[in-house]
ModelCIF file with pLDDT and N, C-alpha, C, O atoms, coordinates in Angstrom:
data_MODEL
#
_entry.id   MODEL 
#
_entity.id                         1 
_entity.type                       polymer 
_entity.pdbx_number_of_molecules   1 
#
_entity_poly.entity_id                      1 
_entity_poly.type                           'polypeptide(L)' 
_entity_poly.nstd_linkage                   no 
_entity_poly.nstd_monomer                   no 
_entity_poly.pdbx_seq_one_letter_code       
;(UNK)(UNK)(UNK)(UNK)(UNK)(UNK)(UNK)(UNK)(UNK)(UNK)(UNK)(UNK)(UNK)(UNK)(UNK)(UNK)
(UNK)(UNK)(UNK)(UNK)(UNK)(UNK)(UNK)(UNK)(UNK)(UNK)(UNK)(UNK)(UNK)(UNK)(UNK)(UNK)
(UNK)(UNK)(UNK)(UNK)(UNK)(UNK)(UNK)(UNK)(UNK)(UNK)(UNK)(UNK)(UNK)(UNK)(UNK)
;
_entity_poly.pdbx_seq_one_letter_code_can   XXXXXXXXXXXXXXXXXXXXXXXXXXXXXXXXXXXXXXXXXXXXXXX 
_entity_poly.pdbx_strand_id                 A 
#
loop_
_entity_poly_seq.entity_id 
_entity_poly_seq.num 
_entity_poly_seq.mon_id 
_entity_poly_seq.hetero 
1 1  UNK n 
1 2  UNK n 
1 3  UNK n 
1 4  UNK n 
1 5  UNK n 
1 6  UNK n 
1 7  UNK n 
1 8  UNK n 
1 9  UNK n 
1 10 UNK n 
1 11 UNK n 
1 12 UNK n 
1 13 UNK n 
1 14 UNK n 
1 15 UNK n 
1 16 UNK n 
1 17 UNK n 
1 18 UNK n 
1 19 UNK n 
1 20 UNK n 
1 21 UNK n 
1 22 UNK n 
1 23 UNK n 
1 24 UNK n 
1 25 UNK n 
1 26 UNK n 
1 27 UNK n 
1 28 UNK n 
1 29 UNK n 
1 30 UNK n 
1 31 UNK n 
1 32 UNK n 
1 33 UNK n 
1 34 UNK n 
1 35 UNK n 
1 36 UNK n 
1 37 UNK n 
1 38 UNK n 
1 39 UNK n 
1 40 UNK n 
1 41 UNK n 
1 42 UNK n 
1 43 UNK n 
1 44 UNK n 
1 45 UNK n 
1 46 UNK n 
1 47 UNK n 
#
_struct_asym.id          A 
_struct_asym.entity_id   1 
#
loop_
_ma_qa_metric.id 
_ma_qa_metric.mode 
_ma_qa_metric.name 
_ma_qa_metric.software_group_id 
_ma_qa_metric.type 
1 global pLDDT . pLDDT 
2 local  pLDDT . pLDDT 
#
_ma_qa_metric_global.metric_id      1 
_ma_qa_metric_global.metric_value   95.45 
_ma_qa_metric_global.model_id       1 
_ma_qa_metric_global.ordinal_id     1 
#
loop_
_ma_qa_metric_local.label_asym_id 
_ma_qa_metric_local.label_comp_id 
_ma_qa_metric_local.label_seq_id 
_ma_qa_metric_local.metric_id 
_ma_qa_metric_local.metric_value 
_ma_qa_metric_local.model_id 
_ma_qa_metric_local.ordinal_id 
A UNK 1  2 96.00 1 1  
A UNK 2  2 96.00 1 2  
A UNK 3  2 95.00 1 3  
A UNK 4  2 96.00 1 4  
A UNK 5  2 96.00 1 5  
A UNK 6  2 93.00 1 6  
A UNK 7  2 92.00 1 7  
A UNK 8  2 92.00 1 8  
A UNK 9  2 92.00 1 9  
A UNK 10 2 93.00 1 10 
A UNK 11 2 94.00 1 11 
A UNK 12 2 94.00 1 12 
A UNK 13 2 95.00 1 13 
A UNK 14 2 95.00 1 14 
A UNK 15 2 95.00 1 15 
A UNK 16 2 95.00 1 16 
A UNK 17 2 95.00 1 17 
A UNK 18 2 96.00 1 18 
A UNK 19 2 97.00 1 19 
A UNK 20 2 97.00 1 20 
A UNK 21 2 98.00 1 21 
A UNK 22 2 97.00 1 22 
A UNK 23 2 96.00 1 23 
A UNK 24 2 95.00 1 24 
A UNK 25 2 93.00 1 25 
A UNK 26 2 92.00 1 26 
A UNK 27 2 94.00 1 27 
A UNK 28 2 95.00 1 28 
A UNK 29 2 96.00 1 29 
A UNK 30 2 96.00 1 30 
A UNK 31 2 97.00 1 31 
A UNK 32 2 96.00 1 32 
A UNK 33 2 96.00 1 33 
A UNK 34 2 97.00 1 34 
A UNK 35 2 96.00 1 35 
A UNK 36 2 95.00 1 36 
A UNK 37 2 96.00 1 37 
A UNK 38 2 97.00 1 38 
A UNK 39 2 96.00 1 39 
A UNK 40 2 97.00 1 40 
A UNK 41 2 97.00 1 41 
A UNK 42 2 97.00 1 42 
A UNK 43 2 97.00 1 43 
A UNK 44 2 96.00 1 44 
A UNK 45 2 97.00 1 45 
A UNK 46 2 97.00 1 46 
A UNK 47 2 96.00 1 47 
#
loop_
_atom_site.group_PDB 
_atom_site.id 
_atom_site.type_symbol 
_atom_site.label_atom_id 
_atom_site.label_alt_id 
_atom_site.label_comp_id 
_atom_site.label_asym_id 
_atom_site.label_entity_id 
_atom_site.label_seq_id 
_atom_site.pdbx_PDB_ins_code 
_atom_site.Cartn_x 
_atom_site.Cartn_y 
_atom_site.Cartn_z 
_atom_site.occupancy 
_atom_site.B_iso_or_equiv 
_atom_site.pdbx_formal_charge 
_atom_site.auth_seq_id 
_atom_site.auth_comp_id 
_atom_site.auth_asym_id 
_atom_site.auth_atom_id 
_atom_site.pdbx_PDB_model_num 
ATOM 1   N N  . UNK A 1 1  ? -3.836  -11.407 1.766  1.00 96.00 ? 1  UNK A N  1 
ATOM 2   C CA . UNK A 1 1  ? -3.368  -12.588 2.511  1.00 96.00 ? 1  UNK A CA 1 
ATOM 3   C C  . UNK A 1 1  ? -2.913  -13.678 1.555  1.00 96.00 ? 1  UNK A C  1 
ATOM 4   O O  . UNK A 1 1  ? -1.922  -14.359 1.820  1.00 96.00 ? 1  UNK A O  1 
ATOM 5   N N  . UNK A 1 2  ? -3.628  -13.852 0.443  1.00 96.00 ? 2  UNK A N  1 
ATOM 6   C CA . UNK A 1 2  ? -3.228  -14.850 -0.556 1.00 96.00 ? 2  UNK A CA 1 
ATOM 7   C C  . UNK A 1 2  ? -1.896  -14.462 -1.204 1.00 96.00 ? 2  UNK A C  1 
ATOM 8   O O  . UNK A 1 2  ? -1.037  -15.313 -1.433 1.00 96.00 ? 2  UNK A O  1 
ATOM 9   N N  . UNK A 1 3  ? -1.735  -13.164 -1.498 1.00 95.00 ? 3  UNK A N  1 
ATOM 10  C CA . UNK A 1 3  ? -0.469  -12.698 -2.073 1.00 95.00 ? 3  UNK A CA 1 
ATOM 11  C C  . UNK A 1 3  ? 0.680   -12.923 -1.091 1.00 95.00 ? 3  UNK A C  1 
ATOM 12  O O  . UNK A 1 3  ? 1.783   -13.313 -1.475 1.00 95.00 ? 3  UNK A O  1 
ATOM 13  N N  . UNK A 1 4  ? 0.394   -12.667 0.177  1.00 96.00 ? 4  UNK A N  1 
ATOM 14  C CA . UNK A 1 4  ? 1.424   -12.817 1.199  1.00 96.00 ? 4  UNK A CA 1 
ATOM 15  C C  . UNK A 1 4  ? 1.852   -14.277 1.358  1.00 96.00 ? 4  UNK A C  1 
ATOM 16  O O  . UNK A 1 4  ? 2.971   -14.568 1.781  1.00 96.00 ? 4  UNK A O  1 
ATOM 17  N N  . UNK A 1 5  ? 0.937   -15.189 1.011  1.00 96.00 ? 5  UNK A N  1 
ATOM 18  C CA . UNK A 1 5  ? 1.226   -16.615 1.179  1.00 96.00 ? 5  UNK A CA 1 
ATOM 19  C C  . UNK A 1 5  ? 1.890   -17.232 -0.044 1.00 96.00 ? 5  UNK A C  1 
ATOM 20  O O  . UNK A 1 5  ? 2.632   -18.206 0.080  1.00 96.00 ? 5  UNK A O  1 
ATOM 21  N N  . UNK A 1 6  ? 1.630   -16.668 -1.237 1.00 93.00 ? 6  UNK A N  1 
ATOM 22  C CA . UNK A 1 6  ? 2.073   -17.386 -2.433 1.00 93.00 ? 6  UNK A CA 1 
ATOM 23  C C  . UNK A 1 6  ? 2.720   -16.540 -3.523 1.00 93.00 ? 6  UNK A C  1 
ATOM 24  O O  . UNK A 1 6  ? 3.398   -17.098 -4.386 1.00 93.00 ? 6  UNK A O  1 
ATOM 25  N N  . UNK A 1 7  ? 2.543   -15.234 -3.523 1.00 92.00 ? 7  UNK A N  1 
ATOM 26  C CA . UNK A 1 7  ? 3.087   -14.402 -4.591 1.00 92.00 ? 7  UNK A CA 1 
ATOM 27  C C  . UNK A 1 7  ? 4.609   -14.331 -4.524 1.00 92.00 ? 7  UNK A C  1 
ATOM 28  O O  . UNK A 1 7  ? 5.182   -14.213 -3.440 1.00 92.00 ? 7  UNK A O  1 
ATOM 29  N N  . UNK A 1 8  ? 5.258   -14.401 -5.676 1.00 92.00 ? 8  UNK A N  1 
ATOM 30  C CA . UNK A 1 8  ? 6.715   -14.290 -5.716 1.00 92.00 ? 8  UNK A CA 1 
ATOM 31  C C  . UNK A 1 8  ? 7.179   -12.909 -5.259 1.00 92.00 ? 8  UNK A C  1 
ATOM 32  O O  . UNK A 1 8  ? 8.227   -12.769 -4.629 1.00 92.00 ? 8  UNK A O  1 
ATOM 33  N N  . UNK A 1 9  ? 6.386   -11.897 -5.586 1.00 92.00 ? 9  UNK A N  1 
ATOM 34  C CA . UNK A 1 9  ? 6.774   -10.526 -5.252 1.00 92.00 ? 9  UNK A CA 1 
ATOM 35  C C  . UNK A 1 9  ? 6.470   -10.191 -3.794 1.00 92.00 ? 9  UNK A C  1 
ATOM 36  O O  . UNK A 1 9  ? 7.297   -9.583  -3.115 1.00 92.00 ? 9  UNK A O  1 
ATOM 37  N N  . UNK A 1 10 ? 5.284   -10.586 -3.304 1.00 93.00 ? 10 UNK A N  1 
ATOM 38  C CA . UNK A 1 10 ? 4.826   -10.141 -1.990 1.00 93.00 ? 10 UNK A CA 1 
ATOM 39  C C  . UNK A 1 10 ? 4.922   -11.204 -0.893 1.00 93.00 ? 10 UNK A C  1 
ATOM 40  O O  . UNK A 1 10 ? 4.622   -10.911 0.264  1.00 93.00 ? 10 UNK A O  1 
ATOM 41  N N  . UNK A 1 11 ? 5.319   -12.388 -1.217 1.00 94.00 ? 11 UNK A N  1 
ATOM 42  C CA . UNK A 1 11 ? 5.318   -13.470 -0.227 1.00 94.00 ? 11 UNK A CA 1 
ATOM 43  C C  . UNK A 1 11 ? 6.122   -13.085 1.025  1.00 94.00 ? 11 UNK A C  1 
ATOM 44  O O  . UNK A 1 11 ? 7.310   -12.770 0.952  1.00 94.00 ? 11 UNK A O  1 
ATOM 45  N N  . UNK A 1 12 ? 5.437   -13.123 2.165  1.00 94.00 ? 12 UNK A N  1 
ATOM 46  C CA . UNK A 1 12 ? 6.071   -12.816 3.437  1.00 94.00 ? 12 UNK A CA 1 
ATOM 47  C C  . UNK A 1 12 ? 6.390   -11.355 3.667  1.00 94.00 ? 12 UNK A C  1 
ATOM 48  O O  . UNK A 1 12 ? 7.034   -11.014 4.659  1.00 94.00 ? 12 UNK A O  1 
ATOM 49  N N  . UNK A 1 13 ? 5.961   -10.498 2.784  1.00 95.00 ? 13 UNK A N  1 
ATOM 50  C CA . UNK A 1 13 ? 6.308   -9.071  2.898  1.00 95.00 ? 13 UNK A CA 1 
ATOM 51  C C  . UNK A 1 13 ? 5.155   -8.209  3.428  1.00 95.00 ? 13 UNK A C  1 
ATOM 52  O O  . UNK A 1 13 ? 5.381   -7.059  3.804  1.00 95.00 ? 13 UNK A O  1 
ATOM 53  N N  . UNK A 1 14 ? 3.951   -8.728  3.464  1.00 95.00 ? 14 UNK A N  1 
ATOM 54  C CA . UNK A 1 14 ? 2.790   -7.945  3.895  1.00 95.00 ? 14 UNK A CA 1 
ATOM 55  C C  . UNK A 1 14 ? 2.504   -8.218  5.365  1.00 95.00 ? 14 UNK A C  1 
ATOM 56  O O  . UNK A 1 14 ? 2.268   -9.360  5.757  1.00 95.00 ? 14 UNK A O  1 
ATOM 57  N N  . UNK A 1 15 ? 2.527   -7.175  6.168  1.00 95.00 ? 15 UNK A N  1 
ATOM 58  C CA . UNK A 1 15 ? 2.232   -7.309  7.596  1.00 95.00 ? 15 UNK A CA 1 
ATOM 59  C C  . UNK A 1 15 ? 0.720   -7.203  7.788  1.00 95.00 ? 15 UNK A C  1 
ATOM 60  O O  . UNK A 1 15 ? 0.173   -6.103  7.867  1.00 95.00 ? 15 UNK A O  1 
ATOM 61  N N  . UNK A 1 16 ? 0.060   -8.338  7.862  1.00 95.00 ? 16 UNK A N  1 
ATOM 62  C CA . UNK A 1 16 ? -1.400  -8.369  7.947  1.00 95.00 ? 16 UNK A CA 1 
ATOM 63  C C  . UNK A 1 16 ? -1.921  -7.959  9.323  1.00 95.00 ? 16 UNK A C  1 
ATOM 64  O O  . UNK A 1 16 ? -3.130  -7.842  9.521  1.00 95.00 ? 16 UNK A O  1 
ATOM 65  N N  . UNK A 1 17 ? -1.011  -7.743  10.273 1.00 95.00 ? 17 UNK A N  1 
ATOM 66  C CA . UNK A 1 17 ? -1.433  -7.323  11.605 1.00 95.00 ? 17 UNK A CA 1 
ATOM 67  C C  . UNK A 1 17 ? -1.431  -5.804  11.754 1.00 95.00 ? 17 UNK A C  1 
ATOM 68  O O  . UNK A 1 17 ? -1.827  -5.280  12.795 1.00 95.00 ? 17 UNK A O  1 
ATOM 69  N N  . UNK A 1 18 ? -0.988  -5.097  10.717 1.00 96.00 ? 18 UNK A N  1 
ATOM 70  C CA . UNK A 1 18 ? -0.925  -3.625  10.801 1.00 96.00 ? 18 UNK A CA 1 
ATOM 71  C C  . UNK A 1 18 ? -1.525  -3.031  9.527  1.00 96.00 ? 18 UNK A C  1 
ATOM 72  O O  . UNK A 1 18 ? -0.815  -2.475  8.690  1.00 96.00 ? 18 UNK A O  1 
ATOM 73  N N  . UNK A 1 19 ? -2.833  -3.158  9.400  1.00 97.00 ? 19 UNK A N  1 
ATOM 74  C CA . UNK A 1 19 ? -3.536  -2.666  8.216  1.00 97.00 ? 19 UNK A CA 1 
ATOM 75  C C  . UNK A 1 19 ? -4.424  -1.486  8.601  1.00 97.00 ? 19 UNK A C  1 
ATOM 76  O O  . UNK A 1 19 ? -5.224  -1.581  9.532  1.00 97.00 ? 19 UNK A O  1 
ATOM 77  N N  . UNK A 1 20 ? -4.281  -0.389  7.891  1.00 97.00 ? 20 UNK A N  1 
ATOM 78  C CA . UNK A 1 20 ? -5.145  0.765   8.079  1.00 97.00 ? 20 UNK A CA 1 
ATOM 79  C C  . UNK A 1 20 ? -5.976  0.989   6.823  1.00 97.00 ? 20 UNK A C  1 
ATOM 80  O O  . UNK A 1 20 ? -5.652  0.466   5.757  1.00 97.00 ? 20 UNK A O  1 
ATOM 81  N N  . UNK A 1 21 ? -7.035  1.757   6.949  1.00 98.00 ? 21 UNK A N  1 
ATOM 82  C CA . UNK A 1 21 ? -7.891  2.041   5.794  1.00 98.00 ? 21 UNK A CA 1 
ATOM 83  C C  . UNK A 1 21 ? -8.261  3.517   5.814  1.00 98.00 ? 21 UNK A C  1 
ATOM 84  O O  . UNK A 1 21 ? -8.539  4.089   6.868  1.00 98.00 ? 21 UNK A O  1 
ATOM 85  N N  . UNK A 1 22 ? -8.259  4.124   4.630  1.00 97.00 ? 22 UNK A N  1 
ATOM 86  C CA . UNK A 1 22 ? -8.721  5.504   4.512  1.00 97.00 ? 22 UNK A CA 1 
ATOM 87  C C  . UNK A 1 22 ? -9.573  5.634   3.251  1.00 97.00 ? 22 UNK A C  1 
ATOM 88  O O  . UNK A 1 22 ? -9.411  4.878   2.293  1.00 97.00 ? 22 UNK A O  1 
ATOM 89  N N  . UNK A 1 23 ? -10.464 6.588   3.272  1.00 96.00 ? 23 UNK A N  1 
ATOM 90  C CA . UNK A 1 23 ? -11.315 6.822   2.117  1.00 96.00 ? 23 UNK A CA 1 
ATOM 91  C C  . UNK A 1 23 ? -11.766 8.262   2.069  1.00 96.00 ? 23 UNK A C  1 
ATOM 92  O O  . UNK A 1 23 ? -11.676 8.989   3.058  1.00 96.00 ? 23 UNK A O  1 
ATOM 93  N N  . UNK A 1 24 ? -12.251 8.667   0.911  1.00 95.00 ? 24 UNK A N  1 
ATOM 94  C CA . UNK A 1 24 ? -12.716 10.034  0.687  1.00 95.00 ? 24 UNK A CA 1 
ATOM 95  C C  . UNK A 1 24 ? -14.196 10.011  0.331  1.00 95.00 ? 24 UNK A C  1 
ATOM 96  O O  . UNK A 1 24 ? -14.635 9.156   -0.438 1.00 95.00 ? 24 UNK A O  1 
ATOM 97  N N  . UNK A 1 25 ? -14.970 10.944  0.884  1.00 93.00 ? 25 UNK A N  1 
ATOM 98  C CA . UNK A 1 25 ? -16.389 11.080  0.575  1.00 93.00 ? 25 UNK A CA 1 
ATOM 99  C C  . UNK A 1 25 ? -17.133 9.805   0.973  1.00 93.00 ? 25 UNK A C  1 
ATOM 100 O O  . UNK A 1 25 ? -17.125 9.442   2.149  1.00 93.00 ? 25 UNK A O  1 
ATOM 101 N N  . UNK A 1 26 ? -17.771 9.120   0.035  1.00 92.00 ? 26 UNK A N  1 
ATOM 102 C CA . UNK A 1 26 ? -18.426 7.851   0.388  1.00 92.00 ? 26 UNK A CA 1 
ATOM 103 C C  . UNK A 1 26 ? -17.406 6.850   0.913  1.00 92.00 ? 26 UNK A C  1 
ATOM 104 O O  . UNK A 1 26 ? -17.691 6.072   1.823  1.00 92.00 ? 26 UNK A O  1 
ATOM 105 N N  . UNK A 1 27 ? -16.215 6.882   0.326  1.00 94.00 ? 27 UNK A N  1 
ATOM 106 C CA . UNK A 1 27 ? -15.161 6.006   0.812  1.00 94.00 ? 27 UNK A CA 1 
ATOM 107 C C  . UNK A 1 27 ? -14.779 6.322   2.243  1.00 94.00 ? 27 UNK A C  1 
ATOM 108 O O  . UNK A 1 27 ? -14.363 5.443   2.998  1.00 94.00 ? 27 UNK A O  1 
ATOM 109 N N  . UNK A 1 28 ? -14.926 7.614   2.618  1.00 95.00 ? 28 UNK A N  1 
ATOM 110 C CA . UNK A 1 28 ? -14.651 8.005   3.991  1.00 95.00 ? 28 UNK A CA 1 
ATOM 111 C C  . UNK A 1 28 ? -15.637 7.397   4.971  1.00 95.00 ? 28 UNK A C  1 
ATOM 112 O O  . UNK A 1 28 ? -15.270 7.058   6.097  1.00 95.00 ? 28 UNK A O  1 
ATOM 113 N N  . UNK A 1 29 ? -16.894 7.257   4.549  1.00 96.00 ? 29 UNK A N  1 
ATOM 114 C CA . UNK A 1 29 ? -17.892 6.603   5.392  1.00 96.00 ? 29 UNK A CA 1 
ATOM 115 C C  . UNK A 1 29 ? -17.711 5.092   5.385  1.00 96.00 ? 29 UNK A C  1 
ATOM 116 O O  . UNK A 1 29 ? -18.042 4.421   6.363  1.00 96.00 ? 29 UNK A O  1 
ATOM 117 N N  . UNK A 1 30 ? -17.189 4.556   4.294  1.00 96.00 ? 30 UNK A N  1 
ATOM 118 C CA . UNK A 1 30 ? -16.965 3.114   4.210  1.00 96.00 ? 30 UNK A CA 1 
ATOM 119 C C  . UNK A 1 30 ? -15.824 2.677   5.125  1.00 96.00 ? 30 UNK A C  1 
ATOM 120 O O  . UNK A 1 30 ? -15.835 1.555   5.631  1.00 96.00 ? 30 UNK A O  1 
ATOM 121 N N  . UNK A 1 31 ? -14.834 3.555   5.344  1.00 97.00 ? 31 UNK A N  1 
ATOM 122 C CA . UNK A 1 31 ? -13.667 3.188   6.149  1.00 97.00 ? 31 UNK A CA 1 
ATOM 123 C C  . UNK A 1 31 ? -14.046 2.806   7.585  1.00 97.00 ? 31 UNK A C  1 
ATOM 124 O O  . UNK A 1 31 ? -13.663 1.724   8.032  1.00 97.00 ? 31 UNK A O  1 
ATOM 125 N N  . UNK A 1 32 ? -14.783 3.648   8.331  1.00 96.00 ? 32 UNK A N  1 
ATOM 126 C CA . UNK A 1 32 ? -15.161 3.237   9.686  1.00 96.00 ? 32 UNK A CA 1 
ATOM 127 C C  . UNK A 1 32 ? -16.119 2.055   9.693  1.00 96.00 ? 32 UNK A C  1 
ATOM 128 O O  . UNK A 1 32 ? -16.099 1.249   10.624 1.00 96.00 ? 32 UNK A O  1 
ATOM 129 N N  . UNK A 1 33 ? -16.960 1.942   8.664  1.00 96.00 ? 33 UNK A N  1 
ATOM 130 C CA . UNK A 1 33 ? -17.847 0.784   8.587  1.00 96.00 ? 33 UNK A CA 1 
ATOM 131 C C  . UNK A 1 33 ? -17.038 -0.499  8.418  1.00 96.00 ? 33 UNK A C  1 
ATOM 132 O O  . UNK A 1 33 ? -17.341 -1.518  9.038  1.00 96.00 ? 33 UNK A O  1 
ATOM 133 N N  . UNK A 1 34 ? -16.009 -0.442  7.576  1.00 97.00 ? 34 UNK A N  1 
ATOM 134 C CA . UNK A 1 34 ? -15.138 -1.609  7.393  1.00 97.00 ? 34 UNK A CA 1 
ATOM 135 C C  . UNK A 1 34 ? -14.419 -1.945  8.689  1.00 97.00 ? 34 UNK A C  1 
ATOM 136 O O  . UNK A 1 34 ? -14.280 -3.117  9.038  1.00 97.00 ? 34 UNK A O  1 
ATOM 137 N N  . UNK A 1 35 ? -13.956 -0.912  9.413  1.00 96.00 ? 35 UNK A N  1 
ATOM 138 C CA . UNK A 1 35 ? -13.285 -1.138  10.698 1.00 96.00 ? 35 UNK A CA 1 
ATOM 139 C C  . UNK A 1 35 ? -14.229 -1.791  11.705 1.00 96.00 ? 35 UNK A C  1 
ATOM 140 O O  . UNK A 1 35 ? -13.849 -2.720  12.418 1.00 96.00 ? 35 UNK A O  1 
ATOM 141 N N  . UNK A 1 36 ? -15.458 -1.293  11.752 1.00 95.00 ? 36 UNK A N  1 
ATOM 142 C CA . UNK A 1 36 ? -16.411 -1.811  12.722 1.00 95.00 ? 36 UNK A CA 1 
ATOM 143 C C  . UNK A 1 36 ? -16.741 -3.281  12.454 1.00 95.00 ? 36 UNK A C  1 
ATOM 144 O O  . UNK A 1 36 ? -17.028 -4.035  13.383 1.00 95.00 ? 36 UNK A O  1 
ATOM 145 N N  . UNK A 1 37 ? -16.699 -3.680  11.189 1.00 96.00 ? 37 UNK A N  1 
ATOM 146 C CA . UNK A 1 37 ? -17.094 -5.033  10.818 1.00 96.00 ? 37 UNK A CA 1 
ATOM 147 C C  . UNK A 1 37 ? -15.929 -6.000  10.662 1.00 96.00 ? 37 UNK A C  1 
ATOM 148 O O  . UNK A 1 37 ? -16.128 -7.215  10.632 1.00 96.00 ? 37 UNK A O  1 
ATOM 149 N N  . UNK A 1 38 ? -14.720 -5.469  10.562 1.00 97.00 ? 38 UNK A N  1 
ATOM 150 C CA . UNK A 1 38 ? -13.571 -6.340  10.305 1.00 97.00 ? 38 UNK A CA 1 
ATOM 151 C C  . UNK A 1 38 ? -12.412 -5.912  11.212 1.00 97.00 ? 38 UNK A C  1 
ATOM 152 O O  . UNK A 1 38 ? -11.768 -4.897  10.947 1.00 97.00 ? 38 UNK A O  1 
ATOM 153 N N  . UNK A 1 39 ? -12.139 -6.674  12.277 1.00 96.00 ? 39 UNK A N  1 
ATOM 154 C CA . UNK A 1 39 ? -11.082 -6.290  13.227 1.00 96.00 ? 39 UNK A CA 1 
ATOM 155 C C  . UNK A 1 39 ? -9.677  -6.358  12.646 1.00 96.00 ? 39 UNK A C  1 
ATOM 156 O O  . UNK A 1 39 ? -8.721  -5.954  13.308 1.00 96.00 ? 39 UNK A O  1 
ATOM 157 N N  . UNK A 1 40 ? -9.530  -6.861  11.425 1.00 97.00 ? 40 UNK A N  1 
ATOM 158 C CA . UNK A 1 40 ? -8.202  -6.875  10.813 1.00 97.00 ? 40 UNK A CA 1 
ATOM 159 C C  . UNK A 1 40 ? -7.724  -5.468  10.482 1.00 97.00 ? 40 UNK A C  1 
ATOM 160 O O  . UNK A 1 40 ? -6.523  -5.240  10.339 1.00 97.00 ? 40 UNK A O  1 
ATOM 161 N N  . UNK A 1 41 ? -8.653  -4.522  10.361 1.00 97.00 ? 41 UNK A N  1 
ATOM 162 C CA . UNK A 1 41 ? -8.276  -3.116  10.208 1.00 97.00 ? 41 UNK A CA 1 
ATOM 163 C C  . UNK A 1 41 ? -7.947  -2.564  11.592 1.00 97.00 ? 41 UNK A C  1 
ATOM 164 O O  . UNK A 1 41 ? -8.717  -2.754  12.533 1.00 97.00 ? 41 UNK A O  1 
ATOM 165 N N  . UNK A 1 42 ? -6.823  -1.892  11.720 1.00 97.00 ? 42 UNK A N  1 
ATOM 166 C CA . UNK A 1 42 ? -6.371  -1.412  13.021 1.00 97.00 ? 42 UNK A CA 1 
ATOM 167 C C  . UNK A 1 42 ? -6.517  0.094   13.195 1.00 97.00 ? 42 UNK A C  1 
ATOM 168 O O  . UNK A 1 42 ? -6.341  0.598   14.304 1.00 97.00 ? 42 UNK A O  1 
ATOM 169 N N  . UNK A 1 43 ? -6.831  0.817   12.139 1.00 97.00 ? 43 UNK A N  1 
ATOM 170 C CA . UNK A 1 43 ? -7.022  2.269   12.223 1.00 97.00 ? 43 UNK A CA 1 
ATOM 171 C C  . UNK A 1 43 ? -7.742  2.719   10.963 1.00 97.00 ? 43 UNK A C  1 
ATOM 172 O O  . UNK A 1 43 ? -7.586  2.112   9.903  1.00 97.00 ? 43 UNK A O  1 
ATOM 173 N N  . UNK A 1 44 ? -8.540  3.795   11.079 1.00 96.00 ? 44 UNK A N  1 
ATOM 174 C CA . UNK A 1 44 ? -9.291  4.228   9.897  1.00 96.00 ? 44 UNK A CA 1 
ATOM 175 C C  . UNK A 1 44 ? -9.378  5.748   9.827  1.00 96.00 ? 44 UNK A C  1 
ATOM 176 O O  . UNK A 1 44 ? -9.448  6.436   10.846 1.00 96.00 ? 44 UNK A O  1 
ATOM 177 N N  . UNK A 1 45 ? -9.371  6.250   8.594  1.00 97.00 ? 45 UNK A N  1 
ATOM 178 C CA . UNK A 1 45 ? -9.420  7.685   8.330  1.00 97.00 ? 45 UNK A CA 1 
ATOM 179 C C  . UNK A 1 45 ? -10.543 7.998   7.347  1.00 97.00 ? 45 UNK A C  1 
ATOM 180 O O  . UNK A 1 45 ? -10.689 7.336   6.319  1.00 97.00 ? 45 UNK A O  1 
ATOM 181 N N  . UNK A 1 46 ? -11.325 9.007   7.677  1.00 97.00 ? 46 UNK A N  1 
ATOM 182 C CA . UNK A 1 46 ? -12.426 9.469   6.834  1.00 97.00 ? 46 UNK A CA 1 
ATOM 183 C C  . UNK A 1 46 ? -12.091 10.871  6.347  1.00 97.00 ? 46 UNK A C  1 
ATOM 184 O O  . UNK A 1 46 ? -11.938 11.794  7.148  1.00 97.00 ? 46 UNK A O  1 
ATOM 185 N N  . UNK A 1 47 ? -11.979 11.028  5.033  1.00 96.00 ? 47 UNK A N  1 
ATOM 186 C CA . UNK A 1 47 ? -11.648 12.319  4.450  1.00 96.00 ? 47 UNK A CA 1 
ATOM 187 C C  . UNK A 1 47 ? -12.894 12.978  3.861  1.00 96.00 ? 47 UNK A C  1 
ATOM 188 O O  . UNK A 1 47 ? -12.812 14.082  3.322  1.00 96.00 ? 47 UNK A O  1 
#
């Protein structure tokens, strides 16, 4: 969000309303946990 607001490269280019998360192994378990706790994630994948 900070990059989207001020970075020369990314300013206005990041769609913060369409964020997904995926992870593998422990990261796969972290993905649904992150979704459950943070509604900014809109979809999650556990590998």
